[in-house]
Amino acid sequence: GSVQLSIAPYQLGWSLEARTWYLLAYLILEGFGATLVYAGQLPALLEVGAKAGHADEAATNMISTIFSTFGNLGGIVGPAVGAPMLSVWGFRTAIAVWGCVSLVGCGVLALALAARKVCAAGQQGQGQAQVYERLSTTDAAT
């Protein structure tokens, strides 16, 4: 969606001046959208830390630091990796490669979280049926 919106003026053949103003408006609106997403992430991370028993000031500072560091790191690494991909492979291939990398990363994360739940359930002495019950797809707290 947002990629299509950012390249639409080029596909429509707009003039350079029209594309420049469109891009400025797009970036401002994209910034507002990113703010709405990021504003909810940090409190959610702090809540997870508190539920894990780390609600002191040092844990809050550590979570905030990691959040800011990885946000800034992504702002540096993303364009540093994306620009060469675009120049070597072109947009369509680069976006397909990035999508595949993202899918693999999400799959590895999902497997790691599932394995962690299975190990935690097994350590609590629960039976096999209860282990698989804990791996349900609901958002209910376990």
N, C-alpha and C. Protein backbone atom coordinates (compact mmCIF):
# COMPACT_ATOMS: atom_id res chain seq x y z
N GLY A 1 0.79 -1.18 0.00
CA GLY A 1 0.00 0.00 0.00
C GLY A 1 0.84 1.26 0.00
N SER A 2 1.72 1.41 1.00
CA SER A 2 2.47 2.66 1.09
C SER A 2 3.51 2.76 -0.02
N VAL A 3 4.05 1.61 -0.46
CA VAL A 3 5.00 1.64 -1.57
C VAL A 3 4.30 2.11 -2.84
N GLN A 4 3.09 1.61 -3.07
CA GLN A 4 2.33 2.02 -4.25
C GLN A 4 2.03 3.51 -4.21
N LEU A 5 1.66 4.02 -3.04
CA LEU A 5 1.38 5.46 -2.92
C LEU A 5 2.62 6.30 -3.18
N SER A 6 3.79 5.80 -2.78
CA SER A 6 5.00 6.59 -2.95
C SER A 6 5.48 6.63 -4.39
N ILE A 7 5.15 5.63 -5.20
CA ILE A 7 5.61 5.62 -6.58
C ILE A 7 4.52 6.00 -7.59
N ALA A 8 3.31 6.23 -7.10
CA ALA A 8 2.19 6.55 -7.99
C ALA A 8 2.47 7.75 -8.90
N PRO A 9 3.04 8.87 -8.41
CA PRO A 9 3.27 10.01 -9.31
C PRO A 9 4.20 9.69 -10.47
N TYR A 10 5.15 8.79 -10.25
CA TYR A 10 6.06 8.41 -11.33
C TYR A 10 5.31 7.60 -12.38
N GLN A 11 4.44 6.72 -11.92
CA GLN A 11 3.67 5.91 -12.85
C GLN A 11 2.66 6.74 -13.62
N LEU A 12 2.17 7.81 -13.00
CA LEU A 12 1.19 8.67 -13.65
C LEU A 12 1.82 9.73 -14.54
N GLY A 13 3.14 9.82 -14.51
CA GLY A 13 3.85 10.78 -15.36
C GLY A 13 3.74 12.23 -14.91
N TRP A 14 3.64 12.47 -13.62
CA TRP A 14 3.54 13.83 -13.12
C TRP A 14 4.86 14.57 -13.34
N SER A 15 4.80 15.89 -13.35
CA SER A 15 6.00 16.71 -13.51
C SER A 15 6.86 16.61 -12.25
N LEU A 16 8.11 17.03 -12.39
CA LEU A 16 9.04 16.98 -11.26
C LEU A 16 8.53 17.81 -10.09
N GLU A 17 8.00 18.99 -10.36
CA GLU A 17 7.50 19.84 -9.29
C GLU A 17 6.31 19.19 -8.58
N ALA A 18 5.39 18.62 -9.34
CA ALA A 18 4.23 17.95 -8.74
C ALA A 18 4.66 16.74 -7.92
N ARG A 19 5.64 15.98 -8.43
CA ARG A 19 6.14 14.81 -7.68
C ARG A 19 6.81 15.23 -6.39
N THR A 20 7.54 16.35 -6.42
CA THR A 20 8.23 16.83 -5.22
C THR A 20 7.22 17.19 -4.13
N TRP A 21 6.19 17.95 -4.48
CA TRP A 21 5.18 18.32 -3.49
C TRP A 21 4.42 17.10 -3.00
N TYR A 22 4.11 16.18 -3.90
CA TYR A 22 3.42 14.96 -3.50
C TYR A 22 4.29 14.16 -2.53
N LEU A 23 5.59 14.05 -2.84
CA LEU A 23 6.48 13.29 -1.97
C LEU A 23 6.59 13.93 -0.59
N LEU A 24 6.67 15.25 -0.52
CA LEU A 24 6.72 15.93 0.78
C LEU A 24 5.45 15.64 1.58
N ALA A 25 4.30 15.76 0.95
CA ALA A 25 3.04 15.47 1.64
C ALA A 25 2.98 14.01 2.06
N TYR A 26 3.43 13.12 1.20
CA TYR A 26 3.44 11.69 1.52
C TYR A 26 4.32 11.41 2.74
N LEU A 27 5.51 11.98 2.76
CA LEU A 27 6.44 11.73 3.87
C LEU A 27 5.89 12.27 5.18
N ILE A 28 5.23 13.41 5.14
CA ILE A 28 4.63 13.97 6.36
C ILE A 28 3.54 13.04 6.87
N LEU A 29 2.67 12.59 5.97
CA LEU A 29 1.59 11.68 6.38
C LEU A 29 2.14 10.33 6.84
N GLU A 30 3.19 9.86 6.18
CA GLU A 30 3.83 8.61 6.60
C GLU A 30 4.42 8.76 8.00
N GLY A 31 4.97 9.93 8.30
CA GLY A 31 5.51 10.20 9.63
C GLY A 31 4.42 10.17 10.69
N PHE A 32 3.25 10.74 10.37
CA PHE A 32 2.13 10.68 11.31
C PHE A 32 1.71 9.24 11.56
N GLY A 33 1.63 8.45 10.50
CA GLY A 33 1.26 7.04 10.64
C GLY A 33 2.26 6.26 11.46
N ALA A 34 3.55 6.51 11.22
CA ALA A 34 4.59 5.82 11.99
C ALA A 34 4.51 6.20 13.46
N THR A 35 4.20 7.45 13.74
CA THR A 35 4.06 7.89 15.13
C THR A 35 2.94 7.14 15.83
N LEU A 36 1.84 6.94 15.14
CA LEU A 36 0.73 6.19 15.74
C LEU A 36 1.13 4.75 16.04
N VAL A 37 1.94 4.16 15.18
CA VAL A 37 2.39 2.78 15.41
C VAL A 37 3.39 2.74 16.55
N TYR A 38 4.39 3.61 16.51
CA TYR A 38 5.44 3.59 17.52
C TYR A 38 4.94 3.99 18.90
N ALA A 39 3.95 4.86 18.94
CA ALA A 39 3.44 5.32 20.23
C ALA A 39 2.87 4.17 21.06
N GLY A 40 2.34 3.17 20.42
CA GLY A 40 1.79 2.03 21.14
C GLY A 40 2.80 0.94 21.44
N GLN A 41 3.93 0.94 20.74
CA GLN A 41 4.90 -0.13 20.92
C GLN A 41 5.66 -0.03 22.23
N LEU A 42 6.15 1.14 22.57
CA LEU A 42 6.96 1.27 23.78
C LEU A 42 6.16 0.95 25.04
N PRO A 43 4.93 1.46 25.21
CA PRO A 43 4.17 1.06 26.40
C PRO A 43 3.89 -0.44 26.44
N ALA A 44 3.68 -1.05 25.27
CA ALA A 44 3.46 -2.50 25.23
C ALA A 44 4.71 -3.25 25.68
N LEU A 45 5.87 -2.79 25.26
CA LEU A 45 7.12 -3.42 25.69
C LEU A 45 7.33 -3.26 27.20
N LEU A 46 7.02 -2.07 27.71
CA LEU A 46 7.16 -1.85 29.14
C LEU A 46 6.20 -2.74 29.93
N GLU A 47 5.01 -2.96 29.39
CA GLU A 47 4.04 -3.84 30.05
C GLU A 47 4.54 -5.28 30.08
N VAL A 48 5.14 -5.72 28.99
CA VAL A 48 5.71 -7.07 28.95
C VAL A 48 6.82 -7.20 29.99
N GLY A 49 7.65 -6.18 30.10
CA GLY A 49 8.71 -6.20 31.11
C GLY A 49 8.16 -6.26 32.52
N ALA A 50 7.08 -5.50 32.76
CA ALA A 50 6.47 -5.51 34.09
C ALA A 50 5.86 -6.87 34.41
N LYS A 51 5.22 -7.51 33.43
CA LYS A 51 4.64 -8.83 33.65
C LYS A 51 5.71 -9.88 33.92
N ALA A 52 6.91 -9.66 33.36
CA ALA A 52 8.00 -10.59 33.58
C ALA A 52 8.72 -10.32 34.90
N GLY A 53 8.23 -9.33 35.65
CA GLY A 53 8.83 -9.04 36.95
C GLY A 53 9.94 -8.01 36.89
N HIS A 54 10.04 -7.26 35.81
CA HIS A 54 11.09 -6.26 35.67
C HIS A 54 10.44 -4.88 35.52
N ALA A 55 9.86 -4.39 36.59
CA ALA A 55 9.14 -3.11 36.53
C ALA A 55 9.93 -1.96 37.17
N ASP A 56 11.20 -2.19 37.49
CA ASP A 56 11.95 -1.12 38.14
C ASP A 56 12.48 -0.12 37.09
N GLU A 57 13.08 0.94 37.58
CA GLU A 57 13.54 2.01 36.69
C GLU A 57 14.65 1.54 35.76
N ALA A 58 15.54 0.68 36.24
CA ALA A 58 16.63 0.19 35.39
C ALA A 58 16.09 -0.62 34.21
N ALA A 59 15.07 -1.44 34.45
CA ALA A 59 14.48 -2.23 33.36
C ALA A 59 13.77 -1.30 32.37
N THR A 60 13.07 -0.30 32.88
CA THR A 60 12.40 0.66 32.00
C THR A 60 13.42 1.39 31.13
N ASN A 61 14.53 1.81 31.71
CA ASN A 61 15.57 2.49 30.96
C ASN A 61 16.18 1.56 29.91
N MET A 62 16.38 0.29 30.27
CA MET A 62 16.96 -0.67 29.33
C MET A 62 16.01 -0.90 28.16
N ILE A 63 14.73 -1.09 28.43
CA ILE A 63 13.74 -1.32 27.37
C ILE A 63 13.66 -0.09 26.46
N SER A 64 13.63 1.08 27.05
CA SER A 64 13.58 2.32 26.25
C SER A 64 14.82 2.47 25.39
N THR A 65 15.98 2.14 25.94
CA THR A 65 17.23 2.24 25.21
C THR A 65 17.26 1.26 24.03
N ILE A 66 16.86 0.03 24.28
CA ILE A 66 16.85 -0.97 23.21
C ILE A 66 15.85 -0.57 22.13
N PHE A 67 14.68 -0.10 22.53
CA PHE A 67 13.66 0.34 21.58
C PHE A 67 14.21 1.45 20.68
N SER A 68 14.82 2.46 21.28
CA SER A 68 15.36 3.58 20.51
C SER A 68 16.53 3.15 19.63
N THR A 69 17.40 2.32 20.18
CA THR A 69 18.57 1.87 19.43
C THR A 69 18.17 1.10 18.18
N PHE A 70 17.27 0.13 18.32
CA PHE A 70 16.89 -0.66 17.16
C PHE A 70 16.04 0.14 16.17
N GLY A 71 15.27 1.10 16.66
CA GLY A 71 14.55 1.97 15.73
C GLY A 71 15.50 2.79 14.88
N ASN A 72 16.53 3.36 15.52
CA ASN A 72 17.53 4.14 14.78
C ASN A 72 18.39 3.24 13.90
N LEU A 73 18.73 2.07 14.40
CA LEU A 73 19.53 1.14 13.60
C LEU A 73 18.79 0.73 12.33
N GLY A 74 17.49 0.50 12.46
CA GLY A 74 16.69 0.16 11.29
C GLY A 74 16.65 1.29 10.29
N GLY A 75 16.65 2.53 10.78
CA GLY A 75 16.67 3.68 9.89
C GLY A 75 17.98 3.82 9.14
N ILE A 76 19.04 3.23 9.66
CA ILE A 76 20.34 3.28 9.00
C ILE A 76 20.54 2.05 8.11
N VAL A 77 20.30 0.88 8.67
CA VAL A 77 20.56 -0.37 7.95
C VAL A 77 19.58 -0.55 6.79
N GLY A 78 18.32 -0.16 6.99
CA GLY A 78 17.31 -0.34 5.93
C GLY A 78 17.73 0.29 4.61
N PRO A 79 17.99 1.60 4.60
CA PRO A 79 18.44 2.22 3.34
C PRO A 79 19.81 1.73 2.88
N ALA A 80 20.72 1.42 3.82
CA ALA A 80 22.04 0.95 3.43
C ALA A 80 21.97 -0.40 2.72
N VAL A 81 21.02 -1.24 3.10
CA VAL A 81 20.84 -2.53 2.44
C VAL A 81 19.90 -2.40 1.25
N GLY A 82 18.87 -1.59 1.40
CA GLY A 82 17.85 -1.46 0.36
C GLY A 82 18.36 -0.79 -0.91
N ALA A 83 19.17 0.24 -0.79
CA ALA A 83 19.65 0.95 -1.97
C ALA A 83 20.50 0.07 -2.89
N PRO A 84 21.47 -0.69 -2.35
CA PRO A 84 22.20 -1.59 -3.24
C PRO A 84 21.32 -2.68 -3.85
N MET A 85 20.34 -3.18 -3.05
CA MET A 85 19.44 -4.19 -3.60
C MET A 85 18.67 -3.63 -4.79
N LEU A 86 18.19 -2.40 -4.68
CA LEU A 86 17.45 -1.78 -5.77
C LEU A 86 18.32 -1.58 -7.00
N SER A 87 19.55 -1.13 -6.79
CA SER A 87 20.41 -0.87 -7.95
C SER A 87 20.88 -2.16 -8.62
N VAL A 88 21.02 -3.24 -7.86
CA VAL A 88 21.48 -4.50 -8.44
C VAL A 88 20.32 -5.28 -9.06
N TRP A 89 19.21 -5.41 -8.33
CA TRP A 89 18.13 -6.30 -8.76
C TRP A 89 16.92 -5.57 -9.34
N GLY A 90 16.78 -4.31 -9.09
CA GLY A 90 15.56 -3.61 -9.49
C GLY A 90 14.51 -3.75 -8.40
N PHE A 91 13.45 -2.94 -8.52
CA PHE A 91 12.47 -2.86 -7.45
C PHE A 91 11.72 -4.18 -7.23
N ARG A 92 11.20 -4.78 -8.29
CA ARG A 92 10.36 -5.96 -8.13
C ARG A 92 11.12 -7.14 -7.52
N THR A 93 12.32 -7.39 -7.97
CA THR A 93 13.10 -8.50 -7.41
C THR A 93 13.53 -8.18 -5.98
N ALA A 94 13.95 -6.94 -5.73
CA ALA A 94 14.39 -6.56 -4.38
C ALA A 94 13.24 -6.70 -3.38
N ILE A 95 12.04 -6.29 -3.75
CA ILE A 95 10.91 -6.39 -2.81
C ILE A 95 10.53 -7.86 -2.60
N ALA A 96 10.67 -8.70 -3.62
CA ALA A 96 10.40 -10.13 -3.46
C ALA A 96 11.43 -10.78 -2.55
N VAL A 97 12.70 -10.43 -2.73
CA VAL A 97 13.75 -10.97 -1.85
C VAL A 97 13.51 -10.52 -0.41
N TRP A 98 13.19 -9.24 -0.22
CA TRP A 98 12.94 -8.73 1.13
C TRP A 98 11.73 -9.41 1.76
N GLY A 99 10.71 -9.66 0.96
CA GLY A 99 9.53 -10.37 1.47
C GLY A 99 9.88 -11.78 1.92
N CYS A 100 10.71 -12.47 1.15
CA CYS A 100 11.12 -13.83 1.53
C CYS A 100 11.96 -13.82 2.81
N VAL A 101 12.86 -12.85 2.91
CA VAL A 101 13.67 -12.72 4.14
C VAL A 101 12.76 -12.45 5.34
N SER A 102 11.77 -11.60 5.15
CA SER A 102 10.84 -11.29 6.24
C SER A 102 10.03 -12.52 6.65
N LEU A 103 9.58 -13.29 5.67
CA LEU A 103 8.83 -14.51 5.98
C LEU A 103 9.68 -15.51 6.75
N VAL A 104 10.92 -15.69 6.33
CA VAL A 104 11.81 -16.61 7.04
C VAL A 104 12.05 -16.12 8.47
N GLY A 105 12.30 -14.82 8.62
CA GLY A 105 12.51 -14.26 9.96
C GLY A 105 11.30 -14.44 10.86
N CYS A 106 10.11 -14.20 10.32
CA CYS A 106 8.88 -14.40 11.11
C CYS A 106 8.68 -15.87 11.45
N GLY A 107 9.01 -16.75 10.52
CA GLY A 107 8.89 -18.18 10.79
C GLY A 107 9.83 -18.64 11.89
N VAL A 108 11.06 -18.16 11.85
CA VAL A 108 12.03 -18.52 12.89
C VAL A 108 11.56 -18.00 14.25
N LEU A 109 11.07 -16.77 14.28
CA LEU A 109 10.57 -16.20 15.53
C LEU A 109 9.38 -17.00 16.06
N ALA A 110 8.45 -17.37 15.18
CA ALA A 110 7.28 -18.15 15.59
C ALA A 110 7.70 -19.50 16.15
N LEU A 111 8.65 -20.15 15.49
CA LEU A 111 9.13 -21.45 15.98
C LEU A 111 9.83 -21.32 17.33
N ALA A 112 10.62 -20.26 17.48
CA ALA A 112 11.32 -20.05 18.75
C ALA A 112 10.32 -19.82 19.88
N LEU A 113 9.28 -19.03 19.62
CA LEU A 113 8.28 -18.77 20.66
C LEU A 113 7.49 -20.04 20.97
N ALA A 114 7.16 -20.81 19.95
CA ALA A 114 6.44 -22.07 20.18
C ALA A 114 7.30 -23.04 20.98
N ALA A 115 8.58 -23.16 20.65
CA ALA A 115 9.47 -24.05 21.38
C ALA A 115 9.61 -23.60 22.83
N ARG A 116 9.65 -22.31 23.04
CA ARG A 116 9.76 -21.79 24.41
C ARG A 116 8.52 -22.15 25.23
N LYS A 117 7.33 -22.05 24.61
CA LYS A 117 6.11 -22.41 25.31
C LYS A 117 6.07 -23.90 25.62
N VAL A 118 6.52 -24.73 24.67
CA VAL A 118 6.53 -26.18 24.89
C VAL A 118 7.49 -26.52 26.02
N CYS A 119 8.67 -25.91 26.02
CA CYS A 119 9.65 -26.19 27.09
C CYS A 119 9.12 -25.73 28.43
N ALA A 120 8.50 -24.55 28.47
CA ALA A 120 7.96 -24.04 29.73
C ALA A 120 6.85 -24.94 30.25
N ALA A 121 6.00 -25.41 29.35
CA ALA A 121 4.91 -26.29 29.77
C ALA A 121 5.45 -27.63 30.22
N GLY A 122 6.46 -28.14 29.56
CA GLY A 122 7.06 -29.42 29.95
C GLY A 122 7.74 -29.34 31.30
N GLN A 123 8.35 -28.20 31.62
CA GLN A 123 9.03 -28.04 32.90
C GLN A 123 8.04 -27.95 34.05
N GLN A 124 6.81 -27.57 33.75
CA GLN A 124 5.81 -27.48 34.80
C GLN A 124 5.16 -28.83 35.08
N GLY A 125 5.62 -29.88 34.39
CA GLY A 125 5.11 -31.22 34.64
C GLY A 125 3.74 -31.47 34.05
N GLN A 126 3.37 -30.74 33.02
CA GLN A 126 2.05 -30.93 32.43
C GLN A 126 2.11 -32.08 31.42
N GLY A 127 0.96 -32.65 31.18
CA GLY A 127 0.86 -33.73 30.21
C GLY A 127 0.97 -33.21 28.79
N GLN A 128 1.12 -34.13 27.84
CA GLN A 128 1.29 -33.77 26.44
C GLN A 128 0.09 -33.00 25.88
N ALA A 129 -1.11 -33.37 26.26
CA ALA A 129 -2.30 -32.68 25.75
C ALA A 129 -2.32 -31.23 26.23
N GLN A 130 -1.90 -31.00 27.46
CA GLN A 130 -1.89 -29.64 27.98
C GLN A 130 -0.80 -28.80 27.31
N VAL A 131 0.29 -29.43 26.90
CA VAL A 131 1.35 -28.71 26.20
C VAL A 131 0.81 -28.15 24.90
N TYR A 132 0.11 -28.97 24.13
CA TYR A 132 -0.42 -28.50 22.86
C TYR A 132 -1.56 -27.51 23.05
N GLU A 133 -2.28 -27.63 24.15
CA GLU A 133 -3.35 -26.68 24.44
C GLU A 133 -2.77 -25.29 24.64
N ARG A 134 -1.60 -25.20 25.23
CA ARG A 134 -0.96 -23.91 25.48
C ARG A 134 -0.50 -23.24 24.19
N LEU A 135 -0.39 -23.99 23.11
CA LEU A 135 0.07 -23.43 21.84
C LEU A 135 -1.09 -22.93 20.98
N SER A 136 -2.23 -22.66 21.60
CA SER A 136 -3.37 -22.19 20.83
C SER A 136 -3.06 -20.85 20.18
N THR A 137 -3.85 -20.47 19.22
CA THR A 137 -3.60 -19.24 18.47
C THR A 137 -4.33 -18.03 19.03
N THR A 138 -4.90 -18.15 20.20
CA THR A 138 -5.59 -17.02 20.79
C THR A 138 -4.58 -16.09 21.46
N ASP A 139 -5.03 -14.89 21.75
CA ASP A 139 -4.19 -13.92 22.43
C ASP A 139 -4.33 -13.97 23.94
N ALA A 140 -5.05 -14.97 24.44
CA ALA A 140 -5.26 -15.06 25.88
C ALA A 140 -3.94 -15.33 26.58
N ALA A 141 -3.77 -14.73 27.73
CA ALA A 141 -2.55 -14.93 28.50
C ALA A 141 -2.50 -16.35 29.03
N THR A 142 -1.29 -16.93 29.00
CA THR A 142 -1.12 -18.30 29.49
C THR A 142 -0.46 -18.32 30.83
